[in-house]
PDB file of N, CA and C in Angstrom:
ATOM      1  N   GLY A   1     -20.804  29.193  14.562  1.00  0.00           N
ATOM      2  CA  GLY A   1     -20.916  27.797  14.361  1.00  0.00           C
ATOM      3  C   GLY A   1     -20.347  27.303  13.034  1.00  0.00           C
ATOM      4  N   THR A   2     -20.121  28.172  12.038  1.00  0.00           N
ATOM      5  CA  THR A   2     -19.623  27.695  10.748  1.00  0.00           C
ATOM      6  C   THR A   2     -18.135  27.893  10.589  1.00  0.00           C
ATOM      7  N   CYS A   3     -17.490  28.595  11.539  1.00  0.00           N
ATOM      8  CA  CYS A   3     -16.046  28.827  11.434  1.00  0.00           C
ATOM      9  C   CYS A   3     -15.272  27.605  11.952  1.00  0.00           C
ATOM     10  N   LYS A   4     -14.006  27.596  11.698  1.00  0.00           N
ATOM     11  CA  LYS A   4     -13.134  26.531  12.233  1.00  0.00           C
ATOM     12  C   LYS A   4     -12.096  27.179  13.122  1.00  0.00           C
ATOM     13  N   PRO A   5     -12.201  26.976  14.443  1.00  0.00           N
ATOM     14  CA  PRO A   5     -11.281  27.624  15.367  1.00  0.00           C
ATOM     15  C   PRO A   5      -9.827  27.192  15.161  1.00  0.00           C
ATOM     16  N   CYS A   6      -8.950  28.155  15.364  1.00  0.00           N
ATOM     17  CA  CYS A   6      -7.512  27.882  15.256  1.00  0.00           C
ATOM     18  C   CYS A   6      -7.048  27.164  16.553  1.00  0.00           C
ATOM     19  N   ALA A   7      -6.495  25.996  16.402  1.00  0.00           N
ATOM     20  CA  ALA A   7      -6.049  25.218  17.562  1.00  0.00           C
ATOM     21  C   ALA A   7      -4.782  25.813  18.158  1.00  0.00           C
ATOM     22  N   TRP A   8      -4.031  26.592  17.464  1.00  0.00           N
ATOM     23  CA  TRP A   8      -2.772  27.141  17.942  1.00  0.00           C
ATOM     24  C   TRP A   8      -2.911  28.501  18.606  1.00  0.00           C
ATOM     25  N   PHE A   9      -3.973  29.198  18.334  1.00  0.00           N
ATOM     26  CA  PHE A   9      -4.128  30.558  18.827  1.00  0.00           C
ATOM     27  C   PHE A   9      -4.022  30.631  20.353  1.00  0.00           C
ATOM     28  N   TRP A  10      -4.590  29.687  21.071  1.00  0.00           N
ATOM     29  CA  TRP A  10      -4.627  29.712  22.518  1.00  0.00           C
ATOM     30  C   TRP A  10      -3.433  29.014  23.145  1.00  0.00           C
ATOM     31  N   LYS A  11      -2.513  28.466  22.382  1.00  0.00           N
ATOM     32  CA  LYS A  11      -1.292  27.823  22.922  1.00  0.00           C
ATOM     33  C   LYS A  11      -0.339  28.890  23.381  1.00  0.00           C
ATOM     34  N   PRO A  12       0.577  28.568  24.328  1.00  0.00           N
ATOM     35  CA  PRO A  12       1.549  29.552  24.785  1.00  0.00           C
ATOM     36  C   PRO A  12       2.407  30.171  23.643  1.00  0.00           C
ATOM     37  N   SER A  13       2.724  29.350  22.625  1.00  0.00           N
ATOM     38  CA  SER A  13       3.524  29.861  21.515  1.00  0.00           C
ATOM     39  C   SER A  13       2.673  30.681  20.534  1.00  0.00           C
ATOM     40  N   GLY A  14       1.352  30.509  20.592  1.00  0.00           N
ATOM     41  CA  GLY A  14       0.468  31.251  19.703  1.00  0.00           C
ATOM     42  C   GLY A  14       0.457  30.692  18.298  1.00  0.00           C
ATOM     43  N   CYS A  15      -0.341  31.315  17.456  1.00  0.00           N
ATOM     44  CA  CYS A  15      -0.462  30.904  16.043  1.00  0.00           C
ATOM     45  C   CYS A  15       0.661  31.558  15.244  1.00  0.00           C
ATOM     46  N   SER A  16       1.473  30.769  14.597  1.00  0.00           N
ATOM     47  CA  SER A  16       2.610  31.300  13.854  1.00  0.00           C
ATOM     48  C   SER A  16       2.143  31.933  12.513  1.00  0.00           C
ATOM     49  N   ASN A  17       0.925  31.634  12.081  1.00  0.00           N
ATOM     50  CA  ASN A  17       0.412  32.227  10.812  1.00  0.00           C
ATOM     51  C   ASN A  17      -0.094  33.646  10.978  1.00  0.00           C
ATOM     52  N   GLY A  18      -0.411  34.032  12.193  1.00  0.00           N
ATOM     53  CA  GLY A  18      -0.900  35.392  12.442  1.00  0.00           C
ATOM     54  C   GLY A  18      -2.137  35.739  11.618  1.00  0.00           C
ATOM     55  N   SER A  19      -2.087  36.876  10.946  1.00  0.00           N
ATOM     56  CA  SER A  19      -3.259  37.327  10.170  1.00  0.00           C
ATOM     57  C   SER A  19      -3.462  36.524   8.890  1.00  0.00           C
ATOM     58  N   ASP A  20      -2.456  35.723   8.494  1.00  0.00           N
ATOM     59  CA  ASP A  20      -2.589  34.862   7.307  1.00  0.00           C
ATOM     60  C   ASP A  20      -3.253  33.544   7.631  1.00  0.00           C
ATOM     61  N   CYS A  21      -3.552  33.297   8.896  1.00  0.00           N
ATOM     62  CA  CYS A  21      -4.180  32.031   9.323  1.00  0.00           C
ATOM     63  C   CYS A  21      -5.571  31.929   8.715  1.00  0.00           C
ATOM     64  N   LEU A  22      -5.910  30.746   8.236  1.00  0.00           N
ATOM     65  CA  LEU A  22      -7.207  30.515   7.627  1.00  0.00           C
ATOM     66  C   LEU A  22      -8.276  30.101   8.645  1.00  0.00           C
ATOM     67  N   HIS A  23      -7.897  29.981   9.896  1.00  0.00           N
ATOM     68  CA  HIS A  23      -8.800  29.557  10.959  1.00  0.00           C
ATOM     69  C   HIS A  23      -9.200  30.737  11.831  1.00  0.00           C
ATOM     70  N   CYS A  24     -10.258  30.533  12.618  1.00  0.00           N
ATOM     71  CA  CYS A  24     -10.829  31.618  13.426  1.00  0.00           C
ATOM     72  C   CYS A  24     -10.023  31.856  14.696  1.00  0.00           C
ATOM     73  N   HIS A  25      -9.671  33.145  14.925  1.00  0.00           N
ATOM     74  CA  HIS A  25      -8.992  33.549  16.143  1.00  0.00           C
ATOM     75  C   HIS A  25      -9.969  34.229  17.116  1.00  0.00           C
ATOM     76  N   LEU A  26     -11.235  34.261  16.765  1.00  0.00           N
ATOM     77  CA  LEU A  26     -12.243  34.908  17.621  1.00  0.00           C
ATOM     78  C   LEU A  26     -12.892  33.932  18.562  1.00  0.00           C
ATOM     79  N   CYS A  27     -12.851  32.632  18.267  1.00  0.00           N
ATOM     80  CA  CYS A  27     -13.519  31.641  19.110  1.00  0.00           C
ATOM     81  C   CYS A  27     -12.712  31.497  20.419  1.00  0.00           C
ATOM     82  N   SER A  28     -13.437  31.196  21.486  1.00  0.00           N
ATOM     83  CA  SER A  28     -12.799  31.043  22.785  1.00  0.00           C
ATOM     84  C   SER A  28     -12.090  29.666  22.879  1.00  0.00           C
ATOM     85  N   LYS A  29     -11.239  29.568  23.876  1.00  0.00           N
ATOM     86  CA  LYS A  29     -10.534  28.317  24.123  1.00  0.00           C
ATOM     87  C   LYS A  29     -11.536  27.202  24.424  1.00  0.00           C
ATOM     88  N   GLU A  30     -12.594  27.529  25.126  1.00  0.00           N
ATOM     89  CA  GLU A  30     -13.626  26.538  25.468  1.00  0.00           C
ATOM     90  C   GLU A  30     -14.346  26.029  24.224  1.00  0.00           C
ATOM     91  N   GLU A  31     -14.482  26.857  23.208  1.00  0.00           N
ATOM     92  CA  GLU A  31     -15.189  26.454  21.971  1.00  0.00           C
ATOM     93  C   GLU A  31     -14.472  25.279  21.297  1.00  0.00           C
ATOM     94  N   ILE A  32     -13.163  25.331  21.300  1.00  0.00           N
ATOM     95  CA  ILE A  32     -12.391  24.256  20.679  1.00  0.00           C
ATOM     96  C   ILE A  32     -12.668  22.944  21.481  1.00  0.00           C
ATOM     97  N   LYS A  33     -12.608  23.010  22.792  1.00  0.00           N
ATOM     98  CA  LYS A  33     -12.891  21.812  23.611  1.00  0.00           C
ATOM     99  C   LYS A  33     -14.307  21.280  23.390  1.00  0.00           C
ATOM    100  N   THR A  34     -15.267  22.210  23.309  1.00  0.00           N
ATOM    101  CA  THR A  34     -16.666  21.802  23.133  1.00  0.00           C
ATOM    102  C   THR A  34     -16.838  21.086  21.796  1.00  0.00           C
ATOM    103  N   ARG A  35     -16.253  21.581  20.752  1.00  0.00           N
ATOM    104  CA  ARG A  35     -16.373  20.963  19.426  1.00  0.00           C
ATOM    105  C   ARG A  35     -15.670  19.605  19.392  1.00  0.00           C
ATOM    106  N   LYS A  36     -14.517  19.473  20.040  1.00  0.00           N
ATOM    107  CA  LYS A  36     -13.836  18.209  20.081  1.00  0.00           C
ATOM    108  C   LYS A  36     -14.656  17.142  20.831  1.00  0.00           C
ATOM    109  N   LYS A  37     -15.282  17.556  21.931  1.00  0.00           N
ATOM    110  CA  LYS A  37     -16.102  16.641  22.672  1.00  0.00           C
ATOM    111  C   LYS A  37     -17.324  16.192  21.852  1.00  0.00           C
ATOM    112  N   ALA A  38     -17.941  17.128  21.165  1.00  0.00           N
ATOM    113  CA  ALA A  38     -19.092  16.784  20.339  1.00  0.00           C
ATOM    114  C   ALA A  38     -18.694  15.821  19.219  1.00  0.00           C
ATOM    115  N   THR A  39     -17.558  16.037  18.602  1.00  0.00           N
ATOM    116  CA  THR A  39     -17.092  15.166  17.557  1.00  0.00           C
ATOM    117  C   THR A  39     -16.794  13.772  18.101  1.00  0.00           C
ATOM    118  N   ARG A  40     -16.165  13.697  19.243  1.00  0.00           N
ATOM    119  CA  ARG A  40     -15.831  12.427  19.878  1.00  0.00           C
ATOM    120  C   ARG A  40     -17.100  11.667  20.226  1.00  0.00           C
ATOM    121  N   ALA A  41     -18.112  12.365  20.759  1.00  0.00           N
ATOM    122  CA  ALA A  41     -19.366  11.721  21.131  1.00  0.00           C
ATOM    123  C   ALA A  41     -20.061  11.174  19.896  1.00  0.00           C
ATOM    124  N   THR A  42     -20.015  11.903  18.795  1.00  0.00           N
ATOM    125  CA  THR A  42     -20.647  11.478  17.559  1.00  0.00           C
ATOM    126  C   THR A  42     -19.971  10.194  17.034  1.00  0.00           C
ATOM    127  N   LYS A  43     -18.673  10.152  17.104  1.00  0.00           N
ATOM    128  CA  LYS A  43     -17.938   8.976  16.608  1.00  0.00           C
ATOM    129  C   LYS A  43     -18.207   7.763  17.488  1.00  0.00           C
ATOM    130  N   LEU A  44     -18.378   7.954  18.804  1.00  0.00           N
ATOM    131  CA  LEU A  44     -18.653   6.832  19.720  1.00  0.00           C
ATOM    132  C   LEU A  44     -20.041   6.264  19.494  1.00  0.00           C
ATOM    133  N   CYS A  45     -20.978   7.072  19.033  1.00  0.00           N
ATOM    134  CA  CYS A  45     -22.365   6.643  18.850  1.00  0.00           C
ATOM    135  C   CYS A  45     -22.564   5.850  17.543  1.00  0.00           C
ATOM    136  N   ARG A  46     -21.642   6.040  16.600  1.00  0.00           N
ATOM    137  CA  ARG A  46     -21.745   5.361  15.308  1.00  0.00           C
ATOM    138  C   ARG A  46     -21.433   3.888  15.479  1.00  0.00           C
ATOM    139  N   PRO A  47     -22.143   3.023  14.720  1.00  0.00           N
ATOM    140  CA  PRO A  47     -21.774   1.596  14.760  1.00  0.00           C
ATOM    141  C   PRO A  47     -20.412   1.395  14.085  1.00  0.00           C
ATOM    142  N   SER A  48     -19.631   0.508  14.633  1.00  0.00           N
ATOM    143  CA  SER A  48     -18.297   0.280  14.136  1.00  0.00           C
ATOM    144  C   SER A  48     -18.377  -0.506  12.835  1.00  0.00           C
ATOM    145  N   THR A  49     -17.492  -0.169  11.891  1.00  0.00           N
ATOM    146  CA  THR A  49     -17.425  -0.899  10.613  1.00  0.00           C
ATOM    147  C   THR A  49     -16.326  -1.944  10.647  1.00  0.00           C
ATOM    148  N   ARG A  50     -15.536  -1.990  11.737  1.00  0.00           N
ATOM    149  CA  ARG A  50     -14.416  -2.934  11.797  1.00  0.00           C
ATOM    150  C   ARG A  50     -14.867  -4.418  11.689  1.00  0.00           C
ATOM    151  N   PRO A  51     -15.923  -4.852  12.358  1.00  0.00           N
ATOM    152  CA  PRO A  51     -16.320  -6.263  12.186  1.00  0.00           C
ATOM    153  C   PRO A  51     -16.664  -6.581  10.729  1.00  0.00           C
ATOM    154  N   ALA A  52     -17.290  -5.664  10.049  1.00  0.00           N
ATOM    155  CA  ALA A  52     -17.673  -5.883   8.648  1.00  0.00           C
ATOM    156  C   ALA A  52     -16.410  -5.958   7.775  1.00  0.00           C
ATOM    157  N   LEU A  53     -15.419  -5.131   8.077  1.00  0.00           N
ATOM    158  CA  LEU A  53     -14.176  -5.161   7.301  1.00  0.00           C
ATOM    159  C   LEU A  53     -13.432  -6.442   7.532  1.00  0.00           C
ATOM    160  N   ALA A  54     -13.407  -6.944   8.774  1.00  0.00           N
ATOM    161  CA  ALA A  54     -12.731  -8.195   9.076  1.00  0.00           C
ATOM    162  C   ALA A  54     -13.390  -9.353   8.373  1.00  0.00           C
ATOM    163  N   ALA A  55     -14.735  -9.364   8.351  1.00  0.00           N
ATOM    164  CA  ALA A  55     -15.448 -10.437   7.655  1.00  0.00           C
ATOM    165  C   ALA A  55     -15.184 -10.405   6.163  1.00  0.00           C
ATOM    166  N   ALA A  56     -15.104  -9.240   5.590  1.00  0.00           N
ATOM    167  CA  ALA A  56     -14.849  -9.118   4.168  1.00  0.00           C
ATOM    168  C   ALA A  56     -13.434  -9.595   3.840  1.00  0.00           C
ATOM    169  N   ALA A  57     -12.477  -9.332   4.698  1.00  0.00           N
ATOM    170  CA  ALA A  57     -11.100  -9.784   4.498  1.00  0.00           C
ATOM    171  C   ALA A  57     -11.020 -11.326   4.591  1.00  0.00           C
ATOM    172  N   ASP A  58     -11.755 -11.900   5.526  1.00  0.00           N
ATOM    173  CA  ASP A  58     -11.798 -13.365   5.664  1.00  0.00           C
ATOM    174  C   ASP A  58     -12.368 -13.996   4.397  1.00  0.00           C
ATOM    175  N   GLU A  59     -13.404 -13.409   3.839  1.00  0.00           N
ATOM    176  CA  GLU A  59     -13.991 -13.942   2.613  1.00  0.00           C
ATOM    177  C   GLU A  59     -13.013 -13.906   1.460  1.00  0.00           C
ATOM    178  N   ARG A  60     -12.268 -12.815   1.338  1.00  0.00           N
ATOM    179  CA  ARG A  60     -11.283 -12.715   0.246  1.00  0.00           C
ATOM    180  C   ARG A  60     -10.220 -13.750   0.413  1.00  0.00           C
ATOM    181  N   THR A  61      -9.760 -14.031   1.608  1.00  0.00           N
ATOM    182  CA  THR A  61      -8.703 -15.013   1.887  1.00  0.00           C
ATOM    183  C   THR A  61      -9.194 -16.413   1.514  1.00  0.00           C
ATOM    184  N   GLU A  62     -10.455 -16.734   1.864  1.00  0.00           N
ATOM    185  CA  GLU A  62     -10.989 -18.052   1.570  1.00  0.00           C
ATOM    186  C   GLU A  62     -11.091 -18.300   0.081  1.00  0.00           C
ATOM    187  N   ASP A  63     -11.362 -17.293  -0.685  1.00  0.00           N
ATOM    188  CA  ASP A  63     -11.550 -17.413  -2.123  1.00  0.00           C
ATOM    189  C   ASP A  63     -10.273 -17.363  -2.922  1.00  0.00           C
ATOM    190  N   ASN A  64      -9.149 -17.001  -2.305  1.00  0.00           N
ATOM    191  CA  ASN A  64      -7.923 -16.770  -3.045  1.00  0.00           C
ATOM    192  C   ASN A  64      -6.852 -17.742  -2.567  1.00  0.00           C
ATOM    193  N   PRO A  65      -6.545 -18.784  -3.379  1.00  0.00           N
ATOM    194  CA  PRO A  65      -5.532 -19.770  -3.000  1.00  0.00           C
ATOM    195  C   PRO A  65      -4.164 -19.132  -2.735  1.00  0.00           C
ATOM    196  N   ALA A  66      -3.830 -18.068  -3.394  1.00  0.00           N
ATOM    197  CA  ALA A  66      -2.525 -17.404  -3.212  1.00  0.00           C
ATOM    198  C   ALA A  66      -2.414 -16.795  -1.834  1.00  0.00           C
ATOM    199  N   LEU A  67      -3.540 -16.551  -1.181  1.00  0.00           N
ATOM    200  CA  LEU A  67      -3.524 -15.973   0.162  1.00  0.00           C
ATOM    201  C   LEU A  67      -3.744 -17.037   1.231  1.00  0.00           C
ATOM    202  N   GLY A  68      -3.673 -18.301   0.843  1.00  0.00           N
ATOM    203  CA  GLY A  68      -3.807 -19.368   1.827  1.00  0.00           C
ATOM    204  C   GLY A  68      -5.234 -19.875   1.975  1.00  0.00           C
ATOM    205  N   GLY A  69      -6.083 -19.538   1.029  1.00  0.00           N
ATOM    206  CA  GLY A  69      -7.479 -19.935   1.110  1.00  0.00           C
ATOM    207  C   GLY A  69      -7.732 -21.303   0.510  1.00  0.00           C
ATOM    208  N   VAL A  70      -8.985 -21.594   0.186  1.00  0.00           N
ATOM    209  CA  VAL A  70      -9.413 -22.875  -0.367  1.00  0.00           C
ATOM    210  C   VAL A  70      -8.628 -23.169  -1.648  1.00  0.00           C
ATOM    211  N   GLY A  71      -8.181 -24.396  -1.781  1.00  0.00           N
ATOM    212  CA  GLY A  71      -7.508 -24.834  -2.985  1.00  0.00           C
ATOM    213  C   GLY A  71      -6.005 -24.703  -2.905  1.00  0.00           C
ATOM    214  N   SER A  72      -5.464 -24.175  -1.832  1.00  0.00           N
ATOM    215  CA  SER A  72      -4.030 -24.036  -1.706  1.00  0.00           C
ATOM    216  C   SER A  72      -3.386 -25.251  -1.088  1.00  0.00           C
ATOM    217  N   GLY A  73      -4.192 -26.160  -0.558  1.00  0.00           N
ATOM    218  CA  GLY A  73      -3.610 -27.338   0.082  1.00  0.00           C
ATOM    219  C   GLY A  73      -2.945 -27.011   1.401  1.00  0.00           C
ATOM    220  N   GLY A  74      -3.247 -25.844   1.955  1.00  0.00           N
ATOM    221  CA  GLY A  74      -2.662 -25.438   3.227  1.00  0.00           C
ATOM    222  C   GLY A  74      -1.223 -24.992   3.113  1.00  0.00           C
ATOM    223  N   ARG A  75      -0.706 -24.830   1.900  1.00  0.00           N
ATOM    224  CA  ARG A  75       0.698 -24.471   1.725  1.00  0.00           C
ATOM    225  C   ARG A  75       0.933 -22.978   1.837  1.00  0.00           C
ATOM    226  N   GLY A  76      -0.119 -22.187   1.823  1.00  0.00           N
ATOM    227  CA  GLY A  76       0.040 -20.735   1.901  1.00  0.00           C
ATOM    228  C   GLY A  76       0.347 -20.129   0.532  1.00  0.00           C
ATOM    229  N   PRO A  77       0.935 -18.960   0.515  1.00  0.00           N
ATOM    230  CA  PRO A  77       1.199 -18.242  -0.747  1.00  0.00           C
ATOM    231  C   PRO A  77       2.183 -19.004  -1.613  1.00  0.00           C
ATOM    232  N   ILE A  78       2.010 -18.856  -2.918  1.00  0.00           N
ATOM    233  CA  ILE A  78       2.925 -19.486  -3.860  1.00  0.00           C
ATOM    234  C   ILE A  78       4.198 -18.653  -3.957  1.00  0.00           C
ATOM    235  N   ALA A  79       5.331 -19.272  -3.814  1.00  0.00           N
ATOM    236  CA  ALA A  79       6.584 -18.544  -3.804  1.00  0.00           C
ATOM    237  C   ALA A  79       7.111 -18.344  -5.175  1.00  0.00           C
TER     238      ALA A  79
END
């Protein structure tokens, strides 16, 4: 559970690093798929930060006349 499986080991071309590879060559092909699915499920369960980022960007635009916000007279950025 603490190792990091080599993604290339099970490919037809194999791992080009061989014994110098820093990743695990003992894990099964299914282990890589299982860990990817678990990671994907974890990411899907997290609340998205995108709406918060969009709101923060809107606030910065409103406060900055150079970005077309309040005080620019609707002219947009100063050239």
